[in-house]
Amino acid sequence: MNKLTTSFSAPFPLFRPIGDEPAEILLELDGKPLAARATDTVASLLLRHIAPETYRHSAVAGEPRAPLCLMGVCFECLIEIDGQKNQQGCLVRVRDGMRVRRQIREGGCDEQA
């Protein structure tokens, strides 16, 4: 097992890293620290660490939404990055010190990362 999954449990590992690249980037997810690899996108990192139904809520009806295409076409991966809402998490590589917030209705997701 690699250092990322041993030091930071990944209860929802939809994506498993290839190889043994160490976790070297520290970012913040909803105010909590999270380790990442330099090759991670925001969406792939989150899909390893949170339940897909807690990724975000739609702005219209508040339904749970999660990344679908992971190539910038579907806009299901929208997330707040460094204070800017509606960023496509699948197209943004993680960087040290990044602040990521899920776009969730208040009281909408009981599960926190």
PDB file of N, CA and C in Angstrom:
ATOM      1  N   MET A   1       0.835  -1.189   0.000  1.00  0.00           N
ATOM      2  CA  MET A   1       0.000   0.000   0.000  1.00  0.00           C
ATOM      3  C   MET A   1       0.879   1.251   0.000  1.00  0.00           C
ATOM      4  N   ASN A   2       0.451   2.310  -0.640  1.00  0.00           N
ATOM      5  CA  ASN A   2       1.265   3.519  -0.694  1.00  0.00           C
ATOM      6  C   ASN A   2       1.035   4.400   0.524  1.00  0.00           C
ATOM      7  N   LYS A   3       1.877   5.412   0.687  1.00  0.00           N
ATOM      8  CA  LYS A   3       1.804   6.290   1.854  1.00  0.00           C
ATOM      9  C   LYS A   3       0.504   7.076   1.912  1.00  0.00           C
ATOM     10  N   LEU A   4      -0.043   7.451   0.774  1.00  0.00           N
ATOM     11  CA  LEU A   4      -1.265   8.249   0.768  1.00  0.00           C
ATOM     12  C   LEU A   4      -2.425   7.479   1.390  1.00  0.00           C
ATOM     13  N   THR A   5      -2.594   6.227   1.008  1.00  0.00           N
ATOM     14  CA  THR A   5      -3.722   5.471   1.552  1.00  0.00           C
ATOM     15  C   THR A   5      -3.458   4.988   2.966  1.00  0.00           C
ATOM     16  N   THR A   6      -2.219   4.842   3.363  1.00  0.00           N
ATOM     17  CA  THR A   6      -1.970   4.409   4.736  1.00  0.00           C
ATOM     18  C   THR A   6      -2.049   5.564   5.708  1.00  0.00           C
ATOM     19  N   SER A   7      -1.577   6.745   5.332  1.00  0.00           N
ATOM     20  CA  SER A   7      -1.603   7.861   6.263  1.00  0.00           C
ATOM     21  C   SER A   7      -2.923   8.621   6.214  1.00  0.00           C
ATOM     22  N   PHE A   8      -3.607   8.605   5.102  1.00  0.00           N
ATOM     23  CA  PHE A   8      -4.904   9.258   4.972  1.00  0.00           C
ATOM     24  C   PHE A   8      -5.851   8.214   4.403  1.00  0.00           C
ATOM     25  N   SER A   9      -6.746   7.703   5.217  1.00  0.00           N
ATOM     26  CA  SER A   9      -7.611   6.628   4.753  1.00  0.00           C
ATOM     27  C   SER A   9      -8.473   7.105   3.594  1.00  0.00           C
ATOM     28  N   ALA A  10      -8.666   6.240   2.646  1.00  0.00           N
ATOM     29  CA  ALA A  10      -9.484   6.544   1.475  1.00  0.00           C
ATOM     30  C   ALA A  10     -10.678   5.600   1.474  1.00  0.00           C
ATOM     31  N   PRO A  11     -11.751   5.963   2.195  1.00  0.00           N
ATOM     32  CA  PRO A  11     -12.883   5.046   2.306  1.00  0.00           C
ATOM     33  C   PRO A  11     -13.677   4.868   1.020  1.00  0.00           C
ATOM     34  N   PHE A  12     -13.515   5.761   0.057  1.00  0.00           N
ATOM     35  CA  PHE A  12     -14.267   5.690  -1.195  1.00  0.00           C
ATOM     36  C   PHE A  12     -13.289   5.710  -2.365  1.00  0.00           C
ATOM     37  N   PRO A  13     -12.458   4.694  -2.503  1.00  0.00           N
ATOM     38  CA  PRO A  13     -11.402   4.737  -3.517  1.00  0.00           C
ATOM     39  C   PRO A  13     -11.890   4.409  -4.922  1.00  0.00           C
ATOM     40  N   LEU A  14     -12.598   5.340  -5.543  1.00  0.00           N
ATOM     41  CA  LEU A  14     -13.000   5.136  -6.930  1.00  0.00           C
ATOM     42  C   LEU A  14     -11.788   5.208  -7.849  1.00  0.00           C
ATOM     43  N   PHE A  15     -10.779   5.929  -7.412  1.00  0.00           N
ATOM     44  CA  PHE A  15      -9.552   6.067  -8.183  1.00  0.00           C
ATOM     45  C   PHE A  15      -8.397   5.610  -7.326  1.00  0.00           C
ATOM     46  N   ARG A  16      -7.607   4.708  -7.867  1.00  0.00           N
ATOM     47  CA  ARG A  16      -6.421   4.234  -7.160  1.00  0.00           C
ATOM     48  C   ARG A  16      -5.202   4.698  -7.943  1.00  0.00           C
ATOM     49  N   PRO A  17      -4.237   5.297  -7.254  1.00  0.00           N
ATOM     50  CA  PRO A  17      -3.045   5.768  -7.949  1.00  0.00           C
ATOM     51  C   PRO A  17      -2.222   4.621  -8.512  1.00  0.00           C
ATOM     52  N   ILE A  18      -1.580   4.888  -9.616  1.00  0.00           N
ATOM     53  CA  ILE A  18      -0.675   3.917 -10.216  1.00  0.00           C
ATOM     54  C   ILE A  18       0.727   4.269  -9.751  1.00  0.00           C
ATOM     55  N   GLY A  19       1.464   3.297  -9.279  1.00  0.00           N
ATOM     56  CA  GLY A  19       2.823   3.538  -8.825  1.00  0.00           C
ATOM     57  C   GLY A  19       2.881   3.957  -7.365  1.00  0.00           C
ATOM     58  N   ASP A  20       4.072   4.312  -6.942  1.00  0.00           N
ATOM     59  CA  ASP A  20       4.301   4.633  -5.540  1.00  0.00           C
ATOM     60  C   ASP A  20       4.704   6.072  -5.321  1.00  0.00           C
ATOM     61  N   GLU A  21       4.181   6.978  -6.098  1.00  0.00           N
ATOM     62  CA  GLU A  21       4.492   8.392  -5.921  1.00  0.00           C
ATOM     63  C   GLU A  21       4.043   8.829  -4.523  1.00  0.00           C
ATOM     64  N   PRO A  22       4.909   9.447  -3.747  1.00  0.00           N
ATOM     65  CA  PRO A  22       4.519   9.840  -2.382  1.00  0.00           C
ATOM     66  C   PRO A  22       3.570  11.037  -2.371  1.00  0.00           C
ATOM     67  N   ALA A  23       2.777  11.115  -1.318  1.00  0.00           N
ATOM     68  CA  ALA A  23       1.924  12.280  -1.120  1.00  0.00           C
ATOM     69  C   ALA A  23       2.836  13.424  -0.708  1.00  0.00           C
ATOM     70  N   GLU A  24       2.895  14.463  -1.527  1.00  0.00           N
ATOM     71  CA  GLU A  24       3.819  15.546  -1.229  1.00  0.00           C
ATOM     72  C   GLU A  24       3.149  16.906  -1.170  1.00  0.00           C
ATOM     73  N   ILE A  25       1.877  16.954  -1.488  1.00  0.00           N
ATOM     74  CA  ILE A  25       1.156  18.226  -1.499  1.00  0.00           C
ATOM     75  C   ILE A  25       0.124  18.196  -0.379  1.00  0.00           C
ATOM     76  N   LEU A  26       0.019  19.294   0.335  1.00  0.00           N
ATOM     77  CA  LEU A  26      -0.988  19.402   1.381  1.00  0.00           C
ATOM     78  C   LEU A  26      -1.943  20.512   0.991  1.00  0.00           C
ATOM     79  N   LEU A  27      -3.212  20.175   0.942  1.00  0.00           N
ATOM     80  CA  LEU A  27      -4.234  21.172   0.637  1.00  0.00           C
ATOM     81  C   LEU A  27      -5.319  21.087   1.697  1.00  0.00           C
ATOM     82  N   GLU A  28      -6.313  21.936   1.559  1.00  0.00           N
ATOM     83  CA  GLU A  28      -7.398  21.995   2.532  1.00  0.00           C
ATOM     84  C   GLU A  28      -8.705  21.660   1.837  1.00  0.00           C
ATOM     85  N   LEU A  29      -9.446  20.700   2.389  1.00  0.00           N
ATOM     86  CA  LEU A  29     -10.766  20.347   1.874  1.00  0.00           C
ATOM     87  C   LEU A  29     -11.790  20.664   2.948  1.00  0.00           C
ATOM     88  N   ASP A  30     -12.652  21.604   2.682  1.00  0.00           N
ATOM     89  CA  ASP A  30     -13.682  22.026   3.634  1.00  0.00           C
ATOM     90  C   ASP A  30     -13.073  22.349   4.999  1.00  0.00           C
ATOM     91  N   GLY A  31     -11.902  22.984   4.975  1.00  0.00           N
ATOM     92  CA  GLY A  31     -11.248  23.421   6.200  1.00  0.00           C
ATOM     93  C   GLY A  31     -10.387  22.378   6.885  1.00  0.00           C
ATOM     94  N   LYS A  32     -10.275  21.180   6.318  1.00  0.00           N
ATOM     95  CA  LYS A  32      -9.468  20.113   6.919  1.00  0.00           C
ATOM     96  C   LYS A  32      -8.304  19.760   5.995  1.00  0.00           C
ATOM     97  N   PRO A  33      -7.132  19.443   6.564  1.00  0.00           N
ATOM     98  CA  PRO A  33      -5.969  19.108   5.731  1.00  0.00           C
ATOM     99  C   PRO A  33      -6.160  17.781   5.002  1.00  0.00           C
ATOM    100  N   LEU A  34      -5.615  17.721   3.789  1.00  0.00           N
ATOM    101  CA  LEU A  34      -5.683  16.507   2.985  1.00  0.00           C
ATOM    102  C   LEU A  34      -4.412  16.413   2.156  1.00  0.00           C
ATOM    103  N   ALA A  35      -3.793  15.249   2.145  1.00  0.00           N
ATOM    104  CA  ALA A  35      -2.568  15.033   1.372  1.00  0.00           C
ATOM    105  C   ALA A  35      -2.924  14.609  -0.047  1.00  0.00           C
ATOM    106  N   ALA A  36      -2.125  15.064  -0.991  1.00  0.00           N
ATOM    107  CA  ALA A  36      -2.356  14.741  -2.402  1.00  0.00           C
ATOM    108  C   ALA A  36      -1.026  14.482  -3.097  1.00  0.00           C
ATOM    109  N   ARG A  37      -1.120  13.920  -4.270  1.00  0.00           N
ATOM    110  CA  ARG A  37       0.046  13.716  -5.139  1.00  0.00           C
ATOM    111  C   ARG A  37       0.090  14.831  -6.168  1.00  0.00           C
ATOM    112  N   ALA A  38       1.236  15.152  -6.645  1.00  0.00           N
ATOM    113  CA  ALA A  38       1.389  16.229  -7.625  1.00  0.00           C
ATOM    114  C   ALA A  38       0.614  15.948  -8.908  1.00  0.00           C
ATOM    115  N   THR A  39       0.343  14.700  -9.210  1.00  0.00           N
ATOM    116  CA  THR A  39      -0.352  14.332 -10.451  1.00  0.00           C
ATOM    117  C   THR A  39      -1.870  14.298 -10.298  1.00  0.00           C
ATOM    118  N   ASP A  40      -2.394  14.499  -9.085  1.00  0.00           N
ATOM    119  CA  ASP A  40      -3.842  14.466  -8.857  1.00  0.00           C
ATOM    120  C   ASP A  40      -4.537  15.679  -9.450  1.00  0.00           C
ATOM    121  N   THR A  41      -5.760  15.478  -9.922  1.00  0.00           N
ATOM    122  CA  THR A  41      -6.654  16.600 -10.162  1.00  0.00           C
ATOM    123  C   THR A  41      -7.519  16.725  -8.909  1.00  0.00           C
ATOM    124  N   VAL A  42      -8.168  17.850  -8.748  1.00  0.00           N
ATOM    125  CA  VAL A  42      -9.029  18.047  -7.583  1.00  0.00           C
ATOM    126  C   VAL A  42     -10.124  16.977  -7.568  1.00  0.00           C
ATOM    127  N   ALA A  43     -10.751  16.720  -8.701  1.00  0.00           N
ATOM    128  CA  ALA A  43     -11.843  15.745  -8.758  1.00  0.00           C
ATOM    129  C   ALA A  43     -11.371  14.340  -8.428  1.00  0.00           C
ATOM    130  N   SER A  44     -10.251  13.894  -8.982  1.00  0.00           N
ATOM    131  CA  SER A  44      -9.796  12.528  -8.710  1.00  0.00           C
ATOM    132  C   SER A  44      -9.382  12.368  -7.254  1.00  0.00           C
ATOM    133  N   LEU A  45      -8.781  13.386  -6.672  1.00  0.00           N
ATOM    134  CA  LEU A  45      -8.412  13.337  -5.260  1.00  0.00           C
ATOM    135  C   LEU A  45      -9.655  13.188  -4.389  1.00  0.00           C
ATOM    136  N   LEU A  46     -10.656  14.009  -4.650  1.00  0.00           N
ATOM    137  CA  LEU A  46     -11.873  13.948  -3.836  1.00  0.00           C
ATOM    138  C   LEU A  46     -12.595  12.618  -3.998  1.00  0.00           C
ATOM    139  N   LEU A  47     -12.613  12.065  -5.191  1.00  0.00           N
ATOM    140  CA  LEU A  47     -13.293  10.791  -5.399  1.00  0.00           C
ATOM    141  C   LEU A  47     -12.595   9.637  -4.699  1.00  0.00           C
ATOM    142  N   ARG A  48     -11.344   9.831  -4.307  1.00  0.00           N
ATOM    143  CA  ARG A  48     -10.657   8.833  -3.480  1.00  0.00           C
ATOM    144  C   ARG A  48     -10.998   8.988  -2.006  1.00  0.00           C
ATOM    145  N   HIS A  49     -11.467  10.157  -1.595  1.00  0.00           N
ATOM    146  CA  HIS A  49     -11.602  10.431  -0.166  1.00  0.00           C
ATOM    147  C   HIS A  49     -13.009  10.735   0.326  1.00  0.00           C
ATOM    148  N   ILE A  50     -13.963  10.915  -0.562  1.00  0.00           N
ATOM    149  CA  ILE A  50     -15.336  11.177  -0.131  1.00  0.00           C
ATOM    150  C   ILE A  50     -16.300  10.305  -0.926  1.00  0.00           C
ATOM    151  N   ALA A  51     -17.475  10.118  -0.378  1.00  0.00           N
ATOM    152  CA  ALA A  51     -18.511   9.378  -1.108  1.00  0.00           C
ATOM    153  C   ALA A  51     -18.956  10.217  -2.305  1.00  0.00           C
ATOM    154  N   PRO A  52     -19.132   9.609  -3.471  1.00  0.00           N
ATOM    155  CA  PRO A  52     -19.524  10.382  -4.653  1.00  0.00           C
ATOM    156  C   PRO A  52     -20.775  11.237  -4.455  1.00  0.00           C
ATOM    157  N   GLU A  53     -21.740  10.732  -3.688  1.00  0.00           N
ATOM    158  CA  GLU A  53     -22.970  11.503  -3.487  1.00  0.00           C
ATOM    159  C   GLU A  53     -22.769  12.723  -2.593  1.00  0.00           C
ATOM    160  N   THR A  54     -21.573  12.889  -2.020  1.00  0.00           N
ATOM    161  CA  THR A  54     -21.306  14.074  -1.198  1.00  0.00           C
ATOM    162  C   THR A  54     -20.366  15.051  -1.899  1.00  0.00           C
ATOM    163  N   TYR A  55     -20.088  14.827  -3.187  1.00  0.00           N
ATOM    164  CA  TYR A  55     -19.167  15.711  -3.925  1.00  0.00           C
ATOM    165  C   TYR A  55     -19.723  17.135  -4.017  1.00  0.00           C
ATOM    166  N   ARG A  56     -20.972  17.266  -4.446  1.00  0.00           N
ATOM    167  CA  ARG A  56     -21.622  18.583  -4.524  1.00  0.00           C
ATOM    168  C   ARG A  56     -23.124  18.393  -4.679  1.00  0.00           C
ATOM    169  N   HIS A  57     -23.862  19.487  -4.613  1.00  0.00           N
ATOM    170  CA  HIS A  57     -25.303  19.485  -4.871  1.00  0.00           C
ATOM    171  C   HIS A  57     -25.592  20.388  -6.064  1.00  0.00           C
ATOM    172  N   SER A  58     -26.586  20.035  -6.853  1.00  0.00           N
ATOM    173  CA  SER A  58     -26.958  20.899  -7.977  1.00  0.00           C
ATOM    174  C   SER A  58     -27.526  22.204  -7.432  1.00  0.00           C
ATOM    175  N   ALA A  59     -27.279  23.286  -8.142  1.00  0.00           N
ATOM    176  CA  ALA A  59     -27.762  24.601  -7.709  1.00  0.00           C
ATOM    177  C   ALA A  59     -29.269  24.729  -7.874  1.00  0.00           C
ATOM    178  N   VAL A  60     -29.846  23.958  -8.771  1.00  0.00           N
ATOM    179  CA  VAL A  60     -31.274  24.091  -9.065  1.00  0.00           C
ATOM    180  C   VAL A  60     -32.136  23.331  -8.058  1.00  0.00           C
ATOM    181  N   ALA A  61     -31.958  22.027  -7.954  1.00  0.00           N
ATOM    182  CA  ALA A  61     -32.832  21.217  -7.105  1.00  0.00           C
ATOM    183  C   ALA A  61     -32.136  20.670  -5.862  1.00  0.00           C
ATOM    184  N   GLY A  62     -30.830  20.885  -5.744  1.00  0.00           N
ATOM    185  CA  GLY A  62     -30.109  20.398  -4.582  1.00  0.00           C
ATOM    186  C   GLY A  62     -29.805  18.912  -4.602  1.00  0.00           C
ATOM    187  N   GLU A  63     -29.909  18.280  -5.783  1.00  0.00           N
ATOM    188  CA  GLU A  63     -29.626  16.849  -5.892  1.00  0.00           C
ATOM    189  C   GLU A  63     -28.125  16.602  -5.806  1.00  0.00           C
ATOM    190  N   PRO A  64     -27.735  15.429  -5.284  1.00  0.00           N
ATOM    191  CA  PRO A  64     -26.311  15.096  -5.259  1.00  0.00           C
ATOM    192  C   PRO A  64     -25.773  14.943  -6.675  1.00  0.00           C
ATOM    193  N   ARG A  65     -24.582  15.476  -6.900  1.00  0.00           N
ATOM    194  CA  ARG A  65     -23.921  15.380  -8.206  1.00  0.00           C
ATOM    195  C   ARG A  65     -22.474  14.978  -7.971  1.00  0.00           C
ATOM    196  N   ALA A  66     -21.859  14.358  -8.958  1.00  0.00           N
ATOM    197  CA  ALA A  66     -20.461  13.954  -8.876  1.00  0.00           C
ATOM    198  C   ALA A  66     -19.849  13.971 -10.267  1.00  0.00           C
ATOM    199  N   PRO A  67     -18.525  14.030 -10.367  1.00  0.00           N
ATOM    200  CA  PRO A  67     -17.868  14.028 -11.672  1.00  0.00           C
ATOM    201  C   PRO A  67     -18.295  12.838 -12.521  1.00  0.00           C
ATOM    202  N   LEU A  68     -18.434  13.081 -13.807  1.00  0.00           N
ATOM    203  CA  LEU A  68     -18.891  12.036 -14.716  1.00  0.00           C
ATOM    204  C   LEU A  68     -17.850  11.756 -15.798  1.00  0.00           C
ATOM    205  N   CYS A  69     -17.526  12.759 -16.609  1.00  0.00           N
ATOM    206  CA  CYS A  69     -16.652  12.503 -17.761  1.00  0.00           C
ATOM    207  C   CYS A  69     -15.168  12.639 -17.431  1.00  0.00           C
ATOM    208  N   LEU A  70     -14.824  13.456 -16.471  1.00  0.00           N
ATOM    209  CA  LEU A  70     -13.446  13.720 -16.047  1.00  0.00           C
ATOM    210  C   LEU A  70     -12.557  14.234 -17.181  1.00  0.00           C
ATOM    211  N   MET A  71     -13.166  14.940 -18.143  1.00  0.00           N
ATOM    212  CA  MET A  71     -12.378  15.558 -19.209  1.00  0.00           C
ATOM    213  C   MET A  71     -12.900  16.945 -19.577  1.00  0.00           C
ATOM    214  N   GLY A  72     -13.717  17.547 -18.715  1.00  0.00           N
ATOM    215  CA  GLY A  72     -14.133  18.924 -18.901  1.00  0.00           C
ATOM    216  C   GLY A  72     -15.358  19.162 -19.761  1.00  0.00           C
ATOM    217  N   VAL A  73     -16.117  18.126 -20.065  1.00  0.00           N
ATOM    218  CA  VAL A  73     -17.268  18.274 -20.945  1.00  0.00           C
ATOM    219  C   VAL A  73     -18.591  18.405 -20.181  1.00  0.00           C
ATOM    220  N   CYS A  74     -18.754  17.655 -19.108  1.00  0.00           N
ATOM    221  CA  CYS A  74     -20.079  17.538 -18.482  1.00  0.00           C
ATOM    222  C   CYS A  74     -20.375  18.571 -17.390  1.00  0.00           C
ATOM    223  N   PHE A  75     -19.403  19.199 -16.791  1.00  0.00           N
ATOM    224  CA  PHE A  75     -19.566  20.208 -15.728  1.00  0.00           C
ATOM    225  C   PHE A  75     -20.189  19.648 -14.453  1.00  0.00           C
ATOM    226  N   GLU A  76     -20.101  18.356 -14.224  1.00  0.00           N
ATOM    227  CA  GLU A  76     -20.620  17.758 -12.993  1.00  0.00           C
ATOM    228  C   GLU A  76     -19.617  17.854 -11.853  1.00  0.00           C
ATOM    229  N   CYS A  77     -18.389  18.244 -12.133  1.00  0.00           N
ATOM    230  CA  CYS A  77     -17.328  18.282 -11.123  1.00  0.00           C
ATOM    231  C   CYS A  77     -17.116  19.678 -10.536  1.00  0.00           C
ATOM    232  N   LEU A  78     -18.079  20.567 -10.701  1.00  0.00           N
ATOM    233  CA  LEU A  78     -17.903  21.943 -10.232  1.00  0.00           C
ATOM    234  C   LEU A  78     -17.641  21.990  -8.736  1.00  0.00           C
ATOM    235  N   ILE A  79     -16.685  22.828  -8.361  1.00  0.00           N
ATOM    236  CA  ILE A  79     -16.246  22.915  -6.973  1.00  0.00           C
ATOM    237  C   ILE A  79     -15.626  24.289  -6.739  1.00  0.00           C
ATOM    238  N   GLU A  80     -15.579  24.709  -5.492  1.00  0.00           N
ATOM    239  CA  GLU A  80     -14.951  25.994  -5.161  1.00  0.00           C
ATOM    240  C   GLU A  80     -13.468  25.764  -4.886  1.00  0.00           C
ATOM    241  N   ILE A  81     -12.624  26.517  -5.587  1.00  0.00           N
ATOM    242  CA  ILE A  81     -11.176  26.411  -5.421  1.00  0.00           C
ATOM    243  C   ILE A  81     -10.624  27.792  -5.119  1.00  0.00           C
ATOM    244  N   ASP A  82      -9.964  27.916  -3.983  1.00  0.00           N
ATOM    245  CA  ASP A  82      -9.373  29.189  -3.548  1.00  0.00           C
ATOM    246  C   ASP A  82     -10.363  30.345  -3.637  1.00  0.00           C
ATOM    247  N   GLY A  83     -11.599  30.097  -3.197  1.00  0.00           N
ATOM    248  CA  GLY A  83     -12.622  31.134  -3.143  1.00  0.00           C
ATOM    249  C   GLY A  83     -13.382  31.368  -4.434  1.00  0.00           C
ATOM    250  N   GLN A  84     -13.006  30.691  -5.510  1.00  0.00           N
ATOM    251  CA  GLN A  84     -13.710  30.846  -6.784  1.00  0.00           C
ATOM    252  C   GLN A  84     -14.634  29.657  -6.995  1.00  0.00           C
ATOM    253  N   LYS A  85     -15.932  29.930  -7.028  1.00  0.00           N
ATOM    254  CA  LYS A  85     -16.916  28.867  -7.203  1.00  0.00           C
ATOM    255  C   LYS A  85     -16.972  28.404  -8.655  1.00  0.00           C
ATOM    256  N   ASN A  86     -17.592  27.263  -8.854  1.00  0.00           N
ATOM    257  CA  ASN A  86     -17.862  26.697 -10.182  1.00  0.00           C
ATOM    258  C   ASN A  86     -16.613  26.448 -11.019  1.00  0.00           C
ATOM    259  N   GLN A  87     -15.552  25.980 -10.373  1.00  0.00           N
ATOM    260  CA  GLN A  87     -14.346  25.565 -11.084  1.00  0.00           C
ATOM    261  C   GLN A  87     -14.481  24.093 -11.446  1.00  0.00           C
ATOM    262  N   GLN A  88     -14.003  23.715 -12.611  1.00  0.00           N
ATOM    263  CA  GLN A  88     -14.069  22.314 -13.030  1.00  0.00           C
ATOM    264  C   GLN A  88     -12.928  21.546 -12.371  1.00  0.00           C
ATOM    265  N   GLY A  89     -13.268  20.784 -11.334  1.00  0.00           N
ATOM    266  CA  GLY A  89     -12.270  20.055 -10.564  1.00  0.00           C
ATOM    267  C   GLY A  89     -11.492  19.037 -11.363  1.00  0.00           C
ATOM    268  N   CYS A  90     -12.074  18.524 -12.441  1.00  0.00           N
ATOM    269  CA  CYS A  90     -11.367  17.519 -13.246  1.00  0.00           C
ATOM    270  C   CYS A  90     -10.258  18.125 -14.092  1.00  0.00           C
ATOM    271  N   LEU A  91     -10.277  19.428 -14.271  1.00  0.00           N
ATOM    272  CA  LEU A  91      -9.271  20.087 -15.110  1.00  0.00           C
ATOM    273  C   LEU A  91      -8.211  20.822 -14.305  1.00  0.00           C
ATOM    274  N   VAL A  92      -8.343  20.835 -12.978  1.00  0.00           N
ATOM    275  CA  VAL A  92      -7.422  21.598 -12.137  1.00  0.00           C
ATOM    276  C   VAL A  92      -6.536  20.648 -11.352  1.00  0.00           C
ATOM    277  N   ARG A  93      -5.224  20.771 -11.550  1.00  0.00           N
ATOM    278  CA  ARG A  93      -4.269  19.985 -10.774  1.00  0.00           C
ATOM    279  C   ARG A  93      -4.148  20.568  -9.381  1.00  0.00           C
ATOM    280  N   VAL A  94      -3.965  19.700  -8.402  1.00  0.00           N
ATOM    281  CA  VAL A  94      -3.787  20.160  -7.029  1.00  0.00           C
ATOM    282  C   VAL A  94      -2.462  20.915  -6.912  1.00  0.00           C
ATOM    283  N   ARG A  95      -2.420  21.830  -5.956  1.00  0.00           N
ATOM    284  CA  ARG A  95      -1.172  22.527  -5.658  1.00  0.00           C
ATOM    285  C   ARG A  95      -1.114  22.776  -4.163  1.00  0.00           C
ATOM    286  N   ASP A  96       0.078  22.899  -3.658  1.00  0.00           N
ATOM    287  CA  ASP A  96       0.292  23.071  -2.233  1.00  0.00           C
ATOM    288  C   ASP A  96      -0.444  24.303  -1.718  1.00  0.00           C
ATOM    289  N   GLY A  97      -1.164  24.145  -0.618  1.00  0.00           N
ATOM    290  CA  GLY A  97      -1.873  25.254  -0.002  1.00  0.00           C
ATOM    291  C   GLY A  97      -3.232  25.573  -0.596  1.00  0.00           C
ATOM    292  N   MET A  98      -3.649  24.834  -1.602  1.00  0.00           N
ATOM    293  CA  MET A  98      -4.942  25.072  -2.251  1.00  0.00           C
ATOM    294  C   MET A  98      -6.077  24.892  -1.233  1.00  0.00           C
ATOM    295  N   ARG A  99      -7.099  25.738  -1.335  1.00  0.00           N
ATOM    296  CA  ARG A  99      -8.281  25.631  -0.474  1.00  0.00           C
ATOM    297  C   ARG A  99      -9.466  25.197  -1.337  1.00  0.00           C
ATOM    298  N   VAL A 100      -9.984  24.015  -1.048  1.00  0.00           N
ATOM    299  CA  VAL A 100     -11.080  23.432  -1.821  1.00  0.00           C
ATOM    300  C   VAL A 100     -12.308  23.325  -0.920  1.00  0.00           C
ATOM    301  N   ARG A 101     -13.449  23.744  -1.450  1.00  0.00           N
ATOM    302  CA  ARG A 101     -14.716  23.609  -0.719  1.00  0.00           C
ATOM    303  C   ARG A 101     -15.739  22.986  -1.650  1.00  0.00           C
ATOM    304  N   ARG A 102     -16.446  21.992  -1.111  1.00  0.00           N
ATOM    305  CA  ARG A 102     -17.522  21.393  -1.887  1.00  0.00           C
ATOM    306  C   ARG A 102     -18.701  22.351  -1.920  1.00  0.00           C
ATOM    307  N   GLN A 103     -19.420  22.370  -3.018  1.00  0.00           N
ATOM    308  CA  GLN A 103     -20.592  23.238  -3.180  1.00  0.00           C
ATOM    309  C   GLN A 103     -21.825  22.453  -2.760  1.00  0.00           C
ATOM    310  N   ILE A 104     -22.076  22.522  -1.451  1.00  0.00           N
ATOM    311  CA  ILE A 104     -23.138  21.727  -0.839  1.00  0.00           C
ATOM    312  C   ILE A 104     -24.116  22.659  -0.142  1.00  0.00           C
ATOM    313  N   ARG A 105     -25.401  22.345  -0.243  1.00  0.00           N
ATOM    314  CA  ARG A 105     -26.409  23.107   0.488  1.00  0.00           C
ATOM    315  C   ARG A 105     -26.175  22.931   1.982  1.00  0.00           C
ATOM    316  N   GLU A 106     -26.451  23.947   2.752  1.00  0.00           N
ATOM    317  CA  GLU A 106     -26.293  23.844   4.207  1.00  0.00           C
ATOM    318  C   GLU A 106     -27.116  22.701   4.747  1.00  0.00           C
ATOM    319  N   GLY A 107     -26.466  21.896   5.575  1.00  0.00           N
ATOM    320  CA  GLY A 107     -27.141  20.739   6.164  1.00  0.00           C
ATOM    321  C   GLY A 107     -27.409  19.620   5.180  1.00  0.00           C
ATOM    322  N   GLY A 108     -26.792  19.705   3.979  1.00  0.00           N
ATOM    323  CA  GLY A 108     -27.100  18.737   2.928  1.00  0.00           C
ATOM    324  C   GLY A 108     -26.355  17.432   2.990  1.00  0.00           C
ATOM    325  N   CYS A 109     -25.113  17.435   3.454  1.00  0.00           N
ATOM    326  CA  CYS A 109     -24.326  16.203   3.495  1.00  0.00           C
ATOM    327  C   CYS A 109     -23.879  15.959   4.917  1.00  0.00           C
ATOM    328  N   ASP A 110     -24.283  14.840   5.471  1.00  0.00           N
ATOM    329  CA  ASP A 110     -23.846  14.498   6.815  1.00  0.00           C
ATOM    330  C   ASP A 110     -22.388  14.089   6.829  1.00  0.00           C
ATOM    331  N   GLU A 111     -21.915  13.534   5.734  1.00  0.00           N
ATOM    332  CA  GLU A 111     -20.547  13.037   5.657  1.00  0.00           C
ATOM    333  C   GLU A 111     -19.591  14.173   5.368  1.00  0.00           C
ATOM    334  N   GLN A 112     -18.548  14.256   6.132  1.00  0.00           N
ATOM    335  CA  GLN A 112     -17.486  15.238   5.900  1.00  0.00           C
ATOM    336  C   GLN A 112     -16.210  14.484   5.594  1.00  0.00           C
ATOM    337  N   ALA A 113     -15.347  15.124   4.817  1.00  0.00           N
ATOM    338  CA  ALA A 113     -14.076  14.491   4.455  1.00  0.00           C
ATOM    339  C   ALA A 113     -13.177  14.384   5.661  1.00  0.00           C
TER     340      ALA A 113
END
